[in-house]
Amino acid sequence: MIGRHIAPGDMTTSLTPVPMLRITRSHITTEPIAHVFEPVLAVVAQGEKRIVLGDRIFSYGIGQYLIVSVDLPVRSHIVSATKEKPFFAIGLTLKPAAIASVLLEVATAEPAAVGLAGIGVSDAPADLLDPILRLVRLLDSPRDIPVLLPGIEREILWRLLNGEQGAIVRQVGFADSRLSQISHSIRWIRTHFAEALSVDDLASQAQMSLSTFHRHFRAVTTMTPIQYQKQVRLQEARARLIADAEDVASVGFSVGYDSPSQFSREYSRFFGSPPGRDAARLRMISLPDTAQSSVLSY
C-alpha cells in the first residue's frame, strides 16, 4: 500500500496529499548521512534505521516509532534494506499547536518533566498503529482527506501523549515548558549559525540561569550550545560543497569560520576526511542531497 504512493528510485522520500505525511522507501543501505531532524513521528513499516546523536545511538525497525521533539543534528543511516525487502517508513510532522489543542481537553494536570531528551524510540502499540494505518489509507481516497484527517491526527496525538514517549510529546505542546524554551534557542542557533554565539544571551532569552540553561540544553540535545552550533555549521558546509562545488575556504567563511585551517580540521574530524575530498566522493556516489534529506528522510 505504501509503495504505490512513492516515486521510483533506489532511495526516495515523497510528499503526499496529506500535508503532515511523508513516505520514505530505500532499496539500499546507506552510509551515515549528517542532517537535521525536525520535530517528527517516524514509524518503520519494514527494514531498520540507525541514528547517532552525540554519543548516543538509536535504532528503530519494523513496528517501532521514533519521536523527535526539537531540531536535532544527527547522523543516520539505513542498515537493513534490499531490492526484495526495501526499507519503508512514514514521517508525520509534529505541530505544537495541534498537540496543545489536544492537551487543552485533558482535565488532569501533568507534572512538569525535568531533563527530557529530545528524541526517543519505542515499540508502536496497536492503538497507535491503527490510526496511522487509516491515515495512510486516506491517500487512496483524496476526497476524504479534508473531512477525516483532523480526527485521525488528533487520535494519533492522543495515543502518543498516552504512550511511552508521552512526556516528550507533551512538552512540545506546552509553550512555557523547558523543552519549548530550549527549542526556541535551538531554532535561533539554526537560523543564525554563521554568527558569533553568546550562550549568556540565549540563557537570558530562555529565562534561565546559565547553569540551568546548559543542563537542559544538554539533556535535550546531548551536547552543549557551542557543539550544537558547530555541527549545524559543518552540516551546512557539507551541503553547500556537494551542491555547488565552491572552494573550501569560501564555504568555511560562509558558515561562520574565520580560519580555513580550523574549518578543514574540524570538518575532517567530524566527517572523517577533508572537505574537498569528502564532497568529491559524495558527488561520485550520488549521495542523496543532504539539504533534502535534512527534513524528508525518516
C-alpha atoms as a PDB file:
ATOM      1  CA  MET A   1       0.000   0.000   0.000  1.00  0.00           C
ATOM      2  CA  ILE A   2       2.770   2.460   0.897  1.00  0.00           C
ATOM      3  CA  GLY A   3       4.784   1.709  -2.237  1.00  0.00           C
ATOM      4  CA  ARG A   4       2.006   2.897  -4.551  1.00  0.00           C
ATOM      5  CA  HIS A   5       2.463   6.464  -3.357  1.00  0.00           C
ATOM      6  CA  ILE A   6       6.247   6.783  -3.734  1.00  0.00           C
ATOM      7  CA  ALA A   7       8.163   7.973  -6.792  1.00  0.00           C
ATOM      8  CA  PRO A   8      10.582   5.465  -8.381  1.00  0.00           C
ATOM      9  CA  GLY A   9      14.219   5.363  -7.295  1.00  0.00           C
ATOM     10  CA  ASP A  10      16.613   3.447  -5.066  1.00  0.00           C
ATOM     11  CA  MET A  11      16.096   5.922  -2.221  1.00  0.00           C
ATOM     12  CA  THR A  12      13.094   8.232  -2.349  1.00  0.00           C
ATOM     13  CA  THR A  13      11.075  10.356   0.031  1.00  0.00           C
ATOM     14  CA  SER A  14       7.728  11.550  -1.297  1.00  0.00           C
ATOM     15  CA  LEU A  15       5.403  14.302  -0.188  1.00  0.00           C
ATOM     16  CA  THR A  16       1.770  13.222  -0.126  1.00  0.00           C
ATOM     17  CA  PRO A  17      -1.667  14.872  -0.428  1.00  0.00           C
ATOM     18  CA  VAL A  18      -1.857  14.570   3.367  1.00  0.00           C
ATOM     19  CA  PRO A  19       0.066  17.720   4.439  1.00  0.00           C
ATOM     20  CA  MET A  20       1.608  16.194   7.582  1.00  0.00           C
ATOM     21  CA  LEU A  21       2.649  12.895   5.941  1.00  0.00           C
ATOM     22  CA  ARG A  22       5.790  11.896   4.031  1.00  0.00           C
ATOM     23  CA  ILE A  23       6.842   8.413   2.947  1.00  0.00           C
ATOM     24  CA  THR A  24      10.374   7.053   2.516  1.00  0.00           C
ATOM     25  CA  ARG A  25      11.481   3.967   0.614  1.00  0.00           C
ATOM     26  CA  SER A  26      15.017   2.689   0.070  1.00  0.00           C
ATOM     27  CA  HIS A  27      16.198  -0.420  -1.760  1.00  0.00           C
ATOM     28  CA  ILE A  28      19.731   0.129  -0.472  1.00  0.00           C
ATOM     29  CA  THR A  29      21.532   0.524   2.814  1.00  0.00           C
ATOM     30  CA  THR A  30      23.331   3.843   3.224  1.00  0.00           C
ATOM     31  CA  GLU A  31      26.403   5.236   4.872  1.00  0.00           C
ATOM     32  CA  PRO A  32      25.823   7.689   7.741  1.00  0.00           C
ATOM     33  CA  ILE A  33      24.301  10.934   6.456  1.00  0.00           C
ATOM     34  CA  ALA A  34      24.564  14.077   8.587  1.00  0.00           C
ATOM     35  CA  HIS A  35      21.384  16.131   8.652  1.00  0.00           C
ATOM     36  CA  VAL A  36      18.961  17.910  10.979  1.00  0.00           C
ATOM     37  CA  PHE A  37      15.810  16.166  12.170  1.00  0.00           C
ATOM     38  CA  GLU A  38      12.862  18.481  12.746  1.00  0.00           C
ATOM     39  CA  PRO A  39      10.018  17.531  15.141  1.00  0.00           C
ATOM     40  CA  VAL A  40       8.519  14.344  13.774  1.00  0.00           C
ATOM     41  CA  LEU A  41       6.920  10.986  14.453  1.00  0.00           C
ATOM     42  CA  ALA A  42       8.573   8.339  12.259  1.00  0.00           C
ATOM     43  CA  VAL A  43       7.248   4.780  12.008  1.00  0.00           C
ATOM     44  CA  VAL A  44       9.110   1.953  10.275  1.00  0.00           C
ATOM     45  CA  ALA A  45       6.998  -0.486   8.270  1.00  0.00           C
ATOM     46  CA  GLN A  46       9.955  -2.538   7.010  1.00  0.00           C
ATOM     47  CA  GLY A  47      13.734  -2.530   7.447  1.00  0.00           C
ATOM     48  CA  GLU A  48      15.818  -0.741  10.067  1.00  0.00           C
ATOM     49  CA  LYS A  49      17.481   2.639  10.560  1.00  0.00           C
ATOM     50  CA  ARG A  50      20.130   3.842  12.993  1.00  0.00           C
ATOM     51  CA  ILE A  51      20.638   7.373  14.322  1.00  0.00           C
ATOM     52  CA  VAL A  52      23.627   8.809  16.159  1.00  0.00           C
ATOM     53  CA  LEU A  53      23.082  11.892  18.316  1.00  0.00           C
ATOM     54  CA  GLY A  54      26.224  12.945  20.134  1.00  0.00           C
ATOM     55  CA  ASP A  55      27.429   9.799  21.896  1.00  0.00           C
ATOM     56  CA  ARG A  56      24.012   8.081  21.863  1.00  0.00           C
ATOM     57  CA  ILE A  57      22.793   5.544  19.288  1.00  0.00           C
ATOM     58  CA  PHE A  58      19.124   4.916  18.491  1.00  0.00           C
ATOM     59  CA  SER A  59      17.968   2.033  16.296  1.00  0.00           C
ATOM     60  CA  TYR A  60      14.393   1.569  15.159  1.00  0.00           C
ATOM     61  CA  GLY A  61      12.926  -1.126  12.937  1.00  0.00           C
ATOM     62  CA  ILE A  62       9.657  -2.713  11.934  1.00  0.00           C
ATOM     63  CA  GLY A  63       6.834  -1.916  14.336  1.00  0.00           C
ATOM     64  CA  GLN A  64       8.796   0.778  16.186  1.00  0.00           C
ATOM     65  CA  TYR A  65       8.450   4.542  16.210  1.00  0.00           C
ATOM     66  CA  LEU A  66      10.838   7.441  16.678  1.00  0.00           C
ATOM     67  CA  ILE A  67       9.858  10.728  18.293  1.00  0.00           C
ATOM     68  CA  VAL A  68      11.945  13.866  17.722  1.00  0.00           C
ATOM     69  CA  SER A  69      10.711  16.902  19.636  1.00  0.00           C
ATOM     70  CA  VAL A  70      13.217  19.597  18.614  1.00  0.00           C
ATOM     71  CA  ASP A  71      15.594  20.287  15.726  1.00  0.00           C
ATOM     72  CA  LEU A  72      18.487  17.869  16.261  1.00  0.00           C
ATOM     73  CA  PRO A  73      21.681  17.490  14.182  1.00  0.00           C
ATOM     74  CA  VAL A  74      22.157  13.748  13.760  1.00  0.00           C
ATOM     75  CA  ARG A  75      23.902  11.180  11.610  1.00  0.00           C
ATOM     76  CA  SER A  76      21.581   8.474  10.344  1.00  0.00           C
ATOM     77  CA  HIS A  77      21.814   5.510   8.033  1.00  0.00           C
ATOM     78  CA  ILE A  78      19.592   2.717   6.789  1.00  0.00           C
ATOM     79  CA  VAL A  79      21.065  -0.579   7.980  1.00  0.00           C
ATOM     80  CA  SER A  80      18.503  -3.048   6.605  1.00  0.00           C
ATOM     81  CA  ALA A  81      17.151  -2.735   3.056  1.00  0.00           C
ATOM     82  CA  THR A  82      17.201  -4.852  -0.119  1.00  0.00           C
ATOM     83  CA  LYS A  83      15.521  -4.812  -3.514  1.00  0.00           C
ATOM     84  CA  GLU A  84      13.238  -7.610  -2.346  1.00  0.00           C
ATOM     85  CA  LYS A  85      12.597  -6.105   1.099  1.00  0.00           C
ATOM     86  CA  PRO A  86      13.071  -2.330   0.883  1.00  0.00           C
ATOM     87  CA  PHE A  87      13.138  -0.003   3.841  1.00  0.00           C
ATOM     88  CA  PHE A  88       9.742   1.674   4.298  1.00  0.00           C
ATOM     89  CA  ALA A  89       8.975   4.435   6.789  1.00  0.00           C
ATOM     90  CA  ILE A  90       6.407   7.160   7.208  1.00  0.00           C
ATOM     91  CA  GLY A  91       7.008  10.525   8.824  1.00  0.00           C
ATOM     92  CA  LEU A  92       4.365  12.719  10.445  1.00  0.00           C
ATOM     93  CA  THR A  93       5.222  16.323  11.267  1.00  0.00           C
ATOM     94  CA  LEU A  94       4.611  17.214  14.921  1.00  0.00           C
ATOM     95  CA  LYS A  95       2.906  20.611  15.244  1.00  0.00           C
ATOM     96  CA  PRO A  96       2.970  22.278  18.675  1.00  0.00           C
ATOM     97  CA  ALA A  97      -0.407  23.963  18.118  1.00  0.00           C
ATOM     98  CA  ALA A  98      -2.097  20.644  17.305  1.00  0.00           C
ATOM     99  CA  ILE A  99      -0.614  18.993  20.406  1.00  0.00           C
ATOM    100  CA  ALA A 100      -1.617  21.956  22.578  1.00  0.00           C
ATOM    101  CA  SER A 101      -5.180  21.701  21.270  1.00  0.00           C
ATOM    102  CA  VAL A 102      -5.402  18.076  22.415  1.00  0.00           C
ATOM    103  CA  LEU A 103      -3.859  18.917  25.789  1.00  0.00           C
ATOM    104  CA  LEU A 104      -6.495  21.595  26.410  1.00  0.00           C
ATOM    105  CA  GLU A 105      -9.119  18.863  26.553  1.00  0.00           C
ATOM    106  CA  VAL A 106      -7.271  16.947  29.288  1.00  0.00           C
ATOM    107  CA  ALA A 107      -8.677  17.914  32.673  1.00  0.00           C
ATOM    108  CA  THR A 108      -5.903  16.474  34.848  1.00  0.00           C
ATOM    109  CA  ALA A 109      -2.691  18.434  35.259  1.00  0.00           C
ATOM    110  CA  GLU A 110       0.510  16.646  34.342  1.00  0.00           C
ATOM    111  CA  PRO A 111       3.678  17.038  36.431  1.00  0.00           C
ATOM    112  CA  ALA A 112       6.439  19.049  34.841  1.00  0.00           C
ATOM    113  CA  ALA A 113       9.031  16.829  33.218  1.00  0.00           C
ATOM    114  CA  VAL A 114      12.667  17.537  34.000  1.00  0.00           C
ATOM    115  CA  GLY A 115      15.733  16.552  31.993  1.00  0.00           C
ATOM    116  CA  LEU A 116      13.840  15.180  28.991  1.00  0.00           C
ATOM    117  CA  ALA A 117      15.813  14.117  25.939  1.00  0.00           C
ATOM    118  CA  GLY A 118      14.658  15.481  22.596  1.00  0.00           C
ATOM    119  CA  ILE A 119      14.471  12.038  21.000  1.00  0.00           C
ATOM    120  CA  GLY A 120      13.087   8.623  21.892  1.00  0.00           C
ATOM    121  CA  VAL A 121      12.296   5.191  20.402  1.00  0.00           C
ATOM    122  CA  SER A 122       9.518   2.793  21.444  1.00  0.00           C
ATOM    123  CA  ASP A 123       7.558  -0.183  20.169  1.00  0.00           C
ATOM    124  CA  ALA A 124       4.376   1.007  18.473  1.00  0.00           C
ATOM    125  CA  PRO A 125       1.249  -0.370  20.193  1.00  0.00           C
ATOM    126  CA  ALA A 126      -1.784  -1.460  18.195  1.00  0.00           C
ATOM    127  CA  ASP A 127      -3.850   1.544  19.280  1.00  0.00           C
ATOM    128  CA  LEU A 128      -1.245   3.851  17.702  1.00  0.00           C
ATOM    129  CA  LEU A 129      -0.702   1.806  14.541  1.00  0.00           C
ATOM    130  CA  ASP A 130      -4.444   1.666  13.842  1.00  0.00           C
ATOM    131  CA  PRO A 131      -4.982   5.433  13.230  1.00  0.00           C
ATOM    132  CA  ILE A 132      -1.623   5.652  11.419  1.00  0.00           C
ATOM    133  CA  LEU A 133      -2.800   2.945   9.019  1.00  0.00           C
ATOM    134  CA  ARG A 134      -6.073   4.815   8.488  1.00  0.00           C
ATOM    135  CA  LEU A 135      -4.074   7.974   7.792  1.00  0.00           C
ATOM    136  CA  VAL A 136      -2.059   6.207   5.085  1.00  0.00           C
ATOM    137  CA  ARG A 137      -5.258   4.768   3.586  1.00  0.00           C
ATOM    138  CA  LEU A 138      -6.507   8.318   3.040  1.00  0.00           C
ATOM    139  CA  LEU A 139      -4.007   8.504   0.179  1.00  0.00           C
ATOM    140  CA  ASP A 140      -6.274   6.140  -1.763  1.00  0.00           C
ATOM    141  CA  SER A 141      -9.298   8.407  -1.253  1.00  0.00           C
ATOM    142  CA  PRO A 142      -8.173  12.054  -1.553  1.00  0.00           C
ATOM    143  CA  ARG A 143     -11.743  13.376  -1.260  1.00  0.00           C
ATOM    144  CA  ASP A 144     -11.883  12.058   2.304  1.00  0.00           C
ATOM    145  CA  ILE A 145      -8.752  13.911   3.451  1.00  0.00           C
ATOM    146  CA  PRO A 146     -10.299  17.297   4.422  1.00  0.00           C
ATOM    147  CA  VAL A 147     -13.087  15.623   6.396  1.00  0.00           C
ATOM    148  CA  LEU A 148     -11.307  12.703   8.077  1.00  0.00           C
ATOM    149  CA  LEU A 149      -7.743  13.992   8.555  1.00  0.00           C
ATOM    150  CA  PRO A 150      -8.379  16.287  11.576  1.00  0.00           C
ATOM    151  CA  GLY A 151      -9.933  13.497  13.634  1.00  0.00           C
ATOM    152  CA  ILE A 152      -7.258  10.946  12.710  1.00  0.00           C
ATOM    153  CA  GLU A 153      -4.469  13.413  13.513  1.00  0.00           C
ATOM    154  CA  ARG A 154      -5.947  14.112  16.947  1.00  0.00           C
ATOM    155  CA  GLU A 155      -6.294  10.392  17.628  1.00  0.00           C
ATOM    156  CA  ILE A 156      -2.635   9.806  16.749  1.00  0.00           C
ATOM    157  CA  LEU A 157      -1.536  12.657  19.017  1.00  0.00           C
ATOM    158  CA  TRP A 158      -3.722  11.351  21.839  1.00  0.00           C
ATOM    159  CA  ARG A 159      -2.160   7.887  21.550  1.00  0.00           C
ATOM    160  CA  LEU A 160       1.307   9.430  21.564  1.00  0.00           C
ATOM    161  CA  LEU A 161       0.534  11.554  24.619  1.00  0.00           C
ATOM    162  CA  ASN A 162      -0.562   8.435  26.489  1.00  0.00           C
ATOM    163  CA  GLY A 163       2.297   6.257  25.254  1.00  0.00           C
ATOM    164  CA  GLU A 164       5.867   5.624  26.412  1.00  0.00           C
ATOM    165  CA  GLN A 165       7.109   8.846  24.798  1.00  0.00           C
ATOM    166  CA  GLY A 166       4.157  10.894  26.056  1.00  0.00           C
ATOM    167  CA  ALA A 167       6.276  13.137  28.266  1.00  0.00           C
ATOM    168  CA  ILE A 168       8.365  14.244  25.279  1.00  0.00           C
ATOM    169  CA  VAL A 169       5.300  14.875  23.111  1.00  0.00           C
ATOM    170  CA  ARG A 170       3.544  16.735  25.940  1.00  0.00           C
ATOM    171  CA  GLN A 171       6.418  19.175  26.280  1.00  0.00           C
ATOM    172  CA  VAL A 172       6.138  20.055  22.578  1.00  0.00           C
ATOM    173  CA  GLY A 173       2.627  21.359  23.239  1.00  0.00           C
ATOM    174  CA  PHE A 174       3.424  23.410  26.348  1.00  0.00           C
ATOM    175  CA  ALA A 175       4.526  26.883  25.255  1.00  0.00           C
ATOM    176  CA  ASP A 176       6.197  27.544  28.618  1.00  0.00           C
ATOM    177  CA  SER A 177       7.870  24.146  29.022  1.00  0.00           C
ATOM    178  CA  ARG A 178      11.629  23.796  29.371  1.00  0.00           C
ATOM    179  CA  LEU A 179      11.706  21.864  26.111  1.00  0.00           C
ATOM    180  CA  SER A 180       9.813  24.641  24.338  1.00  0.00           C
ATOM    181  CA  GLN A 181      12.238  27.250  25.677  1.00  0.00           C
ATOM    182  CA  ILE A 182      15.229  25.176  24.570  1.00  0.00           C
ATOM    183  CA  SER A 183      13.529  24.647  21.197  1.00  0.00           C
ATOM    184  CA  HIS A 184      13.393  28.429  20.670  1.00  0.00           C
ATOM    185  CA  SER A 185      17.131  28.618  21.413  1.00  0.00           C
ATOM    186  CA  ILE A 186      17.834  25.763  19.016  1.00  0.00           C
ATOM    187  CA  ARG A 187      15.903  27.444  16.229  1.00  0.00           C
ATOM    188  CA  TRP A 188      17.805  30.682  16.855  1.00  0.00           C
ATOM    189  CA  ILE A 189      21.118  28.838  16.515  1.00  0.00           C
ATOM    190  CA  ARG A 190      19.966  27.140  13.306  1.00  0.00           C
ATOM    191  CA  THR A 191      18.868  30.456  11.798  1.00  0.00           C
ATOM    192  CA  HIS A 192      21.972  32.374  12.914  1.00  0.00           C
ATOM    193  CA  PHE A 193      24.551  29.564  12.792  1.00  0.00           C
ATOM    194  CA  ALA A 194      27.141  31.719  10.991  1.00  0.00           C
ATOM    195  CA  GLU A 195      27.090  34.405  13.698  1.00  0.00           C
ATOM    196  CA  ALA A 196      29.056  34.574  16.934  1.00  0.00           C
ATOM    197  CA  LEU A 197      27.175  32.733  19.671  1.00  0.00           C
ATOM    198  CA  SER A 198      26.566  34.169  23.135  1.00  0.00           C
ATOM    199  CA  VAL A 199      25.341  31.416  25.441  1.00  0.00           C
ATOM    200  CA  ASP A 200      24.675  34.052  28.118  1.00  0.00           C
ATOM    201  CA  ASP A 201      22.217  35.791  25.769  1.00  0.00           C
ATOM    202  CA  LEU A 202      20.499  32.509  24.922  1.00  0.00           C
ATOM    203  CA  ALA A 203      20.095  31.675  28.606  1.00  0.00           C
ATOM    204  CA  SER A 204      18.658  35.131  29.269  1.00  0.00           C
ATOM    205  CA  GLN A 205      16.173  34.811  26.394  1.00  0.00           C
ATOM    206  CA  ALA A 206      15.111  31.408  27.759  1.00  0.00           C
ATOM    207  CA  GLN A 207      14.694  32.999  31.214  1.00  0.00           C
ATOM    208  CA  MET A 208      17.110  30.551  32.817  1.00  0.00           C
ATOM    209  CA  SER A 209      20.333  30.867  34.711  1.00  0.00           C
ATOM    210  CA  LEU A 210      23.416  29.938  32.702  1.00  0.00           C
ATOM    211  CA  SER A 211      23.923  26.658  34.573  1.00  0.00           C
ATOM    212  CA  THR A 212      20.243  25.676  34.262  1.00  0.00           C
ATOM    213  CA  PHE A 213      20.246  26.501  30.556  1.00  0.00           C
ATOM    214  CA  HIS A 214      23.362  24.393  29.969  1.00  0.00           C
ATOM    215  CA  ARG A 215      21.857  21.484  31.888  1.00  0.00           C
ATOM    216  CA  HIS A 216      18.566  21.497  29.989  1.00  0.00           C
ATOM    217  CA  PHE A 217      20.193  22.116  26.609  1.00  0.00           C
ATOM    218  CA  ARG A 218      22.487  19.129  27.083  1.00  0.00           C
ATOM    219  CA  ALA A 219      19.612  16.960  28.329  1.00  0.00           C
ATOM    220  CA  VAL A 220      17.603  17.691  25.179  1.00  0.00           C
ATOM    221  CA  THR A 221      20.385  17.594  22.568  1.00  0.00           C
ATOM    222  CA  THR A 222      23.184  15.578  24.296  1.00  0.00           C
ATOM    223  CA  MET A 223      25.587  18.440  23.509  1.00  0.00           C
ATOM    224  CA  THR A 224      26.462  21.995  24.534  1.00  0.00           C
ATOM    225  CA  PRO A 225      25.173  25.021  22.566  1.00  0.00           C
ATOM    226  CA  ILE A 226      28.646  25.558  21.073  1.00  0.00           C
ATOM    227  CA  GLN A 227      28.847  21.901  19.983  1.00  0.00           C
ATOM    228  CA  TYR A 228      25.350  22.153  18.508  1.00  0.00           C
ATOM    229  CA  GLN A 229      26.291  25.253  16.517  1.00  0.00           C
ATOM    230  CA  LYS A 230      29.461  23.553  15.266  1.00  0.00           C
ATOM    231  CA  GLN A 231      27.532  20.539  13.968  1.00  0.00           C
ATOM    232  CA  VAL A 232      24.974  22.751  12.214  1.00  0.00           C
ATOM    233  CA  ARG A 233      27.797  24.751  10.609  1.00  0.00           C
ATOM    234  CA  LEU A 234      29.588  21.628   9.398  1.00  0.00           C
ATOM    235  CA  GLN A 235      26.434  20.029   8.020  1.00  0.00           C
ATOM    236  CA  GLU A 236      25.525  23.219   6.169  1.00  0.00           C
ATOM    237  CA  ALA A 237      29.068  23.442   4.798  1.00  0.00           C
ATOM    238  CA  ARG A 238      28.875  19.863   3.532  1.00  0.00           C
ATOM    239  CA  ALA A 239      25.556  20.506   1.786  1.00  0.00           C
ATOM    240  CA  ARG A 240      26.989  23.611   0.082  1.00  0.00           C
ATOM    241  CA  LEU A 241      30.133  21.793  -1.035  1.00  0.00           C
ATOM    242  CA  ILE A 242      28.129  18.923  -2.513  1.00  0.00           C
ATOM    243  CA  ALA A 243      25.597  21.167  -4.248  1.00  0.00           C
ATOM    244  CA  ASP A 244      27.796  23.943  -5.619  1.00  0.00           C
ATOM    245  CA  ALA A 245      31.401  22.694  -5.573  1.00  0.00           C
ATOM    246  CA  GLU A 246      32.531  26.030  -4.090  1.00  0.00           C
ATOM    247  CA  ASP A 247      36.114  26.395  -2.942  1.00  0.00           C
ATOM    248  CA  VAL A 248      36.650  25.132   0.580  1.00  0.00           C
ATOM    249  CA  ALA A 249      37.829  28.401   2.121  1.00  0.00           C
ATOM    250  CA  SER A 250      34.801  30.345   0.830  1.00  0.00           C
ATOM    251  CA  VAL A 251      32.410  27.762   2.227  1.00  0.00           C
ATOM    252  CA  GLY A 252      34.169  27.866   5.584  1.00  0.00           C
ATOM    253  CA  PHE A 253      33.830  31.640   5.752  1.00  0.00           C
ATOM    254  CA  SER A 254      30.169  31.488   4.670  1.00  0.00           C
ATOM    255  CA  VAL A 255      29.188  29.225   7.582  1.00  0.00           C
ATOM    256  CA  GLY A 256      30.999  31.280  10.211  1.00  0.00           C
ATOM    257  CA  TYR A 257      34.611  30.107  10.365  1.00  0.00           C
ATOM    258  CA  ASP A 258      37.322  32.774  10.485  1.00  0.00           C
ATOM    259  CA  SER A 259      40.157  30.346   9.771  1.00  0.00           C
ATOM    260  CA  PRO A 260      40.246  27.997   6.736  1.00  0.00           C
ATOM    261  CA  SER A 261      42.638  25.682   8.568  1.00  0.00           C
ATOM    262  CA  GLN A 262      40.320  25.417  11.580  1.00  0.00           C
ATOM    263  CA  PHE A 263      37.383  24.716   9.259  1.00  0.00           C
ATOM    264  CA  SER A 264      39.256  21.947   7.438  1.00  0.00           C
ATOM    265  CA  ARG A 265      40.488  20.461  10.708  1.00  0.00           C
ATOM    266  CA  GLU A 266      37.039  20.351  12.334  1.00  0.00           C
ATOM    267  CA  TYR A 267      35.383  19.131   9.124  1.00  0.00           C
ATOM    268  CA  SER A 268      37.899  16.291   8.840  1.00  0.00           C
ATOM    269  CA  ARG A 269      37.405  15.337  12.474  1.00  0.00           C
ATOM    270  CA  PHE A 270      33.613  15.246  12.132  1.00  0.00           C
ATOM    271  CA  PHE A 271      33.214  13.631   8.694  1.00  0.00           C
ATOM    272  CA  GLY A 272      36.413  11.587   8.542  1.00  0.00           C
ATOM    273  CA  SER A 273      38.094  13.247   5.545  1.00  0.00           C
ATOM    274  CA  PRO A 274      38.999  16.768   4.336  1.00  0.00           C
ATOM    275  CA  PRO A 275      36.151  18.885   2.910  1.00  0.00           C
ATOM    276  CA  GLY A 276      37.176  18.864  -0.753  1.00  0.00           C
ATOM    277  CA  ARG A 277      37.856  15.133  -0.848  1.00  0.00           C
ATOM    278  CA  ASP A 278      34.696  14.304   1.104  1.00  0.00           C
ATOM    279  CA  ALA A 279      32.430  16.375  -1.160  1.00  0.00           C
ATOM    280  CA  ALA A 280      34.002  14.942  -4.328  1.00  0.00           C
ATOM    281  CA  ARG A 281      33.491  11.392  -3.043  1.00  0.00           C
ATOM    282  CA  LEU A 282      29.846  12.039  -2.200  1.00  0.00           C
ATOM    283  CA  ARG A 283      29.170  13.563  -5.616  1.00  0.00           C
ATOM    284  CA  MET A 284      30.735  10.467  -7.222  1.00  0.00           C
ATOM    285  CA  ILE A 285      28.423   8.061  -5.381  1.00  0.00           C
ATOM    286  CA  SER A 286      25.350  10.282  -5.876  1.00  0.00           C
ATOM    287  CA  LEU A 287      24.502  10.510  -2.197  1.00  0.00           C
ATOM    288  CA  PRO A 288      21.000  11.950  -1.693  1.00  0.00           C
ATOM    289  CA  ASP A 289      21.151  15.714  -1.295  1.00  0.00           C
ATOM    290  CA  THR A 290      21.730  16.432   2.384  1.00  0.00           C
ATOM    291  CA  ALA A 291      19.661  19.599   2.151  1.00  0.00           C
ATOM    292  CA  GLN A 292      16.667  17.482   1.166  1.00  0.00           C
ATOM    293  CA  SER A 293      17.356  14.582   3.491  1.00  0.00           C
ATOM    294  CA  SER A 294      17.562  17.002   6.409  1.00  0.00           C
ATOM    295  CA  VAL A 295      13.782  17.126   6.574  1.00  0.00           C
ATOM    296  CA  LEU A 296      12.410  14.427   4.333  1.00  0.00           C
ATOM    297  CA  SER A 297      14.251  11.210   5.219  1.00  0.00           C
ATOM    298  CA  TYR A 298      12.877   9.147   8.081  1.00  0.00           C
END
